[in-house]
Each structure stands twice: as structure tokens, then as C-alpha cells.
Amino acid sequence: MTRETITAAKAPAAVGPYVHAVRAGETLYTSGQLGLIPETGTLPEGIEAQTKQALENLKAVVEAAGLTLGNVVKTTVFLADINDFNTVNQIYAQYFTGEAPARSCVQVGKLPKGGLVEIEAIAVG
């Protein structure tokens, strides 16, 4: 099986020793995307803004691999506060229209850089 590292110019730089995504065969595995603004590396204020930016960053990574969000088959959403679940769902539904991917959503103790949400995905294509 071949392995290809994917770097997305339109997504923020990784905050640790990892890459945006790895394609193994026909499957793309993304790293978790925080709501970091690519140009500044900072987080916008609030769960709505961070969720939208995290999804924009995820979209940029998937598109850098030549795929679309329609190729995503599984996501994992990490929340700093599970009480943000409904707000995140409303924004998430704007990005995954039609047949949505399988998804897990969990509350975590803390996210890097004080983030409120992080989203990772698996896509095939």
C-alpha cells in the first residue's frame, strides 16, 4: 500500500509534529482541525466561529487531497463542552448536506491552544 502525505496550503500549520492528512490507498485520514484562522494561527471567539473555521480547515485539507466533503465517511468531533453539541450540530449540518457521514462526538478535558472544538475525518475516493 502506498502512503502519501497531504499538506493543505489553505489550512493552518499543524501545532505539533504531524501532518494535515495521510492518504493510504484510497483512504484519507485527516488530523484533527481546530478552528484556527490560517493566516494568523489564532482562534476566533466563540463556539460558532471556531466550529465554522474548523470545518473550513477540514474542507481545505480534504480538497488538498483532491476530494470533497462528500467523500467523508466518518468524522470525530471533540468538544471542550458537550453543552455546545446542538450549536455544533447546526453548523455541521451546513457542511455535510445530503447523506451525512458516520460521526462520533465526545467531550474532552482540554483541546490544544484552548480550542473549543476539533474535528477529524476519514474520507474515501
C-alpha atoms as a PDB file:
ATOM      1  CA  MET A   1       0.000   0.000   0.000  1.00  0.00           C
ATOM      2  CA  THR A   2       1.255   3.464  -0.814  1.00  0.00           C
ATOM      3  CA  ARG A   3       1.296   6.262   1.712  1.00  0.00           C
ATOM      4  CA  GLU A   4       1.116   9.923   0.706  1.00  0.00           C
ATOM      5  CA  THR A   5       1.405  12.935   2.993  1.00  0.00           C
ATOM      6  CA  ILE A   6      -1.086  15.712   2.246  1.00  0.00           C
ATOM      7  CA  THR A   7      -0.268  19.335   3.021  1.00  0.00           C
ATOM      8  CA  ALA A   8      -3.003  21.947   2.622  1.00  0.00           C
ATOM      9  CA  ALA A   9      -1.841  25.464   1.830  1.00  0.00           C
ATOM     10  CA  LYS A  10      -5.258  26.865   2.826  1.00  0.00           C
ATOM     11  CA  ALA A  11      -5.276  25.259   6.288  1.00  0.00           C
ATOM     12  CA  PRO A  12      -3.336  26.433   9.346  1.00  0.00           C
ATOM     13  CA  ALA A  13       0.001  24.825  10.075  1.00  0.00           C
ATOM     14  CA  ALA A  14      -0.034  21.836  12.387  1.00  0.00           C
ATOM     15  CA  VAL A  15       0.531  22.744  16.032  1.00  0.00           C
ATOM     16  CA  GLY A  16       2.662  19.670  16.644  1.00  0.00           C
ATOM     17  CA  PRO A  17       4.833  17.058  14.911  1.00  0.00           C
ATOM     18  CA  TYR A  18       2.197  15.775  12.493  1.00  0.00           C
ATOM     19  CA  VAL A  19       0.779  16.454   9.033  1.00  0.00           C
ATOM     20  CA  HIS A  20      -2.601  17.649   7.758  1.00  0.00           C
ATOM     21  CA  ALA A  21      -3.516  14.255   6.351  1.00  0.00           C
ATOM     22  CA  VAL A  22      -2.233  10.939   5.080  1.00  0.00           C
ATOM     23  CA  ARG A  23      -3.644   9.007   2.160  1.00  0.00           C
ATOM     24  CA  ALA A  24      -3.211   5.244   2.421  1.00  0.00           C
ATOM     25  CA  GLY A  25      -4.507   3.623  -0.723  1.00  0.00           C
ATOM     26  CA  GLU A  26      -7.918   5.147  -1.425  1.00  0.00           C
ATOM     27  CA  THR A  27      -8.466   6.266   2.194  1.00  0.00           C
ATOM     28  CA  LEU A  28      -7.632   9.711   3.532  1.00  0.00           C
ATOM     29  CA  TYR A  29      -7.061  10.182   7.260  1.00  0.00           C
ATOM     30  CA  THR A  30      -7.031  13.796   8.431  1.00  0.00           C
ATOM     31  CA  SER A  31      -5.532  15.167  11.580  1.00  0.00           C
ATOM     32  CA  GLY A  32      -7.898  16.998  13.902  1.00  0.00           C
ATOM     33  CA  GLN A  33      -8.682  20.502  12.735  1.00  0.00           C
ATOM     34  CA  LEU A  34      -9.083  23.242  15.292  1.00  0.00           C
ATOM     35  CA  GLY A  35     -10.828  26.481  14.431  1.00  0.00           C
ATOM     36  CA  LEU A  36      -7.513  28.263  13.874  1.00  0.00           C
ATOM     37  CA  ILE A  37      -7.533  31.094  11.359  1.00  0.00           C
ATOM     38  CA  PRO A  38      -4.934  30.024   8.752  1.00  0.00           C
ATOM     39  CA  GLU A  39      -3.471  33.497   8.220  1.00  0.00           C
ATOM     40  CA  THR A  40      -2.889  34.259  11.899  1.00  0.00           C
ATOM     41  CA  GLY A  41      -2.847  30.908  13.706  1.00  0.00           C
ATOM     42  CA  THR A  42      -5.256  32.337  16.278  1.00  0.00           C
ATOM     43  CA  LEU A  43      -8.660  31.124  17.428  1.00  0.00           C
ATOM     44  CA  PRO A  44     -11.729  33.264  16.834  1.00  0.00           C
ATOM     45  CA  GLU A  45     -14.029  33.918  19.792  1.00  0.00           C
ATOM     46  CA  GLY A  46     -16.915  31.546  20.498  1.00  0.00           C
ATOM     47  CA  ILE A  47     -18.075  28.070  19.576  1.00  0.00           C
ATOM     48  CA  GLU A  48     -19.908  29.188  16.418  1.00  0.00           C
ATOM     49  CA  ALA A  49     -16.878  30.888  14.874  1.00  0.00           C
ATOM     50  CA  GLN A  50     -14.498  28.095  15.890  1.00  0.00           C
ATOM     51  CA  THR A  51     -16.800  25.379  14.534  1.00  0.00           C
ATOM     52  CA  LYS A  52     -17.183  27.136  11.198  1.00  0.00           C
ATOM     53  CA  GLN A  53     -13.426  27.684  10.915  1.00  0.00           C
ATOM     54  CA  ALA A  54     -12.637  24.090  11.947  1.00  0.00           C
ATOM     55  CA  LEU A  55     -14.947  22.864   9.179  1.00  0.00           C
ATOM     56  CA  GLU A  56     -13.410  25.279   6.665  1.00  0.00           C
ATOM     57  CA  ASN A  57      -9.967  23.966   7.653  1.00  0.00           C
ATOM     58  CA  LEU A  58     -11.152  20.361   7.313  1.00  0.00           C
ATOM     59  CA  LYS A  59     -12.627  21.181   3.902  1.00  0.00           C
ATOM     60  CA  ALA A  60      -9.296  22.713   2.804  1.00  0.00           C
ATOM     61  CA  VAL A  61      -7.406  19.582   3.870  1.00  0.00           C
ATOM     62  CA  VAL A  62      -9.828  17.235   2.117  1.00  0.00           C
ATOM     63  CA  GLU A  63      -9.752  19.375  -1.039  1.00  0.00           C
ATOM     64  CA  ALA A  64      -5.925  19.425  -0.991  1.00  0.00           C
ATOM     65  CA  ALA A  65      -6.166  15.648  -1.395  1.00  0.00           C
ATOM     66  CA  GLY A  66      -8.417  16.091  -4.433  1.00  0.00           C
ATOM     67  CA  LEU A  67     -11.606  15.113  -2.603  1.00  0.00           C
ATOM     68  CA  THR A  68     -14.685  16.904  -1.275  1.00  0.00           C
ATOM     69  CA  LEU A  69     -16.634  16.753   1.964  1.00  0.00           C
ATOM     70  CA  GLY A  70     -18.948  14.392   0.071  1.00  0.00           C
ATOM     71  CA  ASN A  71     -16.126  11.812   0.202  1.00  0.00           C
ATOM     72  CA  VAL A  72     -16.039  11.907   4.009  1.00  0.00           C
ATOM     73  CA  VAL A  73     -17.366   8.677   5.532  1.00  0.00           C
ATOM     74  CA  LYS A  74     -16.549   9.248   9.221  1.00  0.00           C
ATOM     75  CA  THR A  75     -15.848  12.214  11.473  1.00  0.00           C
ATOM     76  CA  THR A  76     -14.950  12.583  15.095  1.00  0.00           C
ATOM     77  CA  VAL A  77     -15.874  15.814  16.864  1.00  0.00           C
ATOM     78  CA  PHE A  78     -14.098  16.714  20.083  1.00  0.00           C
ATOM     79  CA  LEU A  79     -15.782  19.343  22.270  1.00  0.00           C
ATOM     80  CA  ALA A  80     -14.388  21.180  25.253  1.00  0.00           C
ATOM     81  CA  ASP A  81     -18.007  21.431  26.498  1.00  0.00           C
ATOM     82  CA  ILE A  82     -20.675  18.902  25.487  1.00  0.00           C
ATOM     83  CA  ASN A  83     -23.271  21.618  26.089  1.00  0.00           C
ATOM     84  CA  ASP A  84     -22.136  23.038  22.721  1.00  0.00           C
ATOM     85  CA  PHE A  85     -23.422  19.878  20.987  1.00  0.00           C
ATOM     86  CA  ASN A  86     -26.564  21.461  19.491  1.00  0.00           C
ATOM     87  CA  THR A  87     -24.759  24.578  18.299  1.00  0.00           C
ATOM     88  CA  VAL A  88     -22.059  22.497  16.613  1.00  0.00           C
ATOM     89  CA  ASN A  89     -24.712  20.266  15.004  1.00  0.00           C
ATOM     90  CA  GLN A  90     -26.440  23.249  13.406  1.00  0.00           C
ATOM     91  CA  ILE A  91     -23.221  24.450  11.790  1.00  0.00           C
ATOM     92  CA  TYR A  92     -22.014  20.920  10.944  1.00  0.00           C
ATOM     93  CA  ALA A  93     -25.264  20.250   9.040  1.00  0.00           C
ATOM     94  CA  GLN A  94     -24.473  23.185   6.730  1.00  0.00           C
ATOM     95  CA  TYR A  95     -21.257  21.460   5.610  1.00  0.00           C
ATOM     96  CA  PHE A  96     -22.453  17.858   5.403  1.00  0.00           C
ATOM     97  CA  THR A  97     -25.635  18.072   3.371  1.00  0.00           C
ATOM     98  CA  GLY A  98     -27.427  15.090   1.909  1.00  0.00           C
ATOM     99  CA  GLU A  99     -26.191  11.774   3.268  1.00  0.00           C
ATOM    100  CA  ALA A 100     -24.094  12.656   6.313  1.00  0.00           C
ATOM    101  CA  PRO A 101     -21.024  10.639   7.324  1.00  0.00           C
ATOM    102  CA  ALA A 102     -20.946   8.458  10.417  1.00  0.00           C
ATOM    103  CA  ARG A 103     -19.858  10.523  13.405  1.00  0.00           C
ATOM    104  CA  SER A 104     -18.713  10.329  16.992  1.00  0.00           C
ATOM    105  CA  CYS A 105     -18.847  13.343  19.286  1.00  0.00           C
ATOM    106  CA  VAL A 106     -17.189  13.440  22.684  1.00  0.00           C
ATOM    107  CA  GLN A 107     -16.320  15.939  25.366  1.00  0.00           C
ATOM    108  CA  VAL A 108     -12.625  16.079  26.172  1.00  0.00           C
ATOM    109  CA  GLY A 109     -10.731  17.519  29.113  1.00  0.00           C
ATOM    110  CA  LYS A 110      -8.907  20.121  27.039  1.00  0.00           C
ATOM    111  CA  LEU A 111      -8.035  20.904  23.427  1.00  0.00           C
ATOM    112  CA  PRO A 112      -4.782  22.373  22.100  1.00  0.00           C
ATOM    113  CA  LYS A 113      -4.437  26.166  22.214  1.00  0.00           C
ATOM    114  CA  GLY A 114      -7.599  26.411  24.340  1.00  0.00           C
ATOM    115  CA  GLY A 115      -9.807  25.399  21.415  1.00  0.00           C
ATOM    116  CA  LEU A 116     -13.498  24.737  21.893  1.00  0.00           C
ATOM    117  CA  VAL A 117     -13.876  22.193  19.055  1.00  0.00           C
ATOM    118  CA  GLU A 118     -11.660  19.933  16.946  1.00  0.00           C
ATOM    119  CA  ILE A 119     -12.831  17.788  14.028  1.00  0.00           C
ATOM    120  CA  GLU A 120     -11.073  14.936  12.238  1.00  0.00           C
ATOM    121  CA  ALA A 121     -12.256  12.855   9.310  1.00  0.00           C
ATOM    122  CA  ILE A 122     -11.789   9.758   7.213  1.00  0.00           C
ATOM    123  CA  ALA A 123     -12.607  10.085   3.514  1.00  0.00           C
ATOM    124  CA  VAL A 124     -12.506   7.677   0.587  1.00  0.00           C
ATOM    125  CA  GLY A 125     -12.238   8.413  -3.064  1.00  0.00           C
END
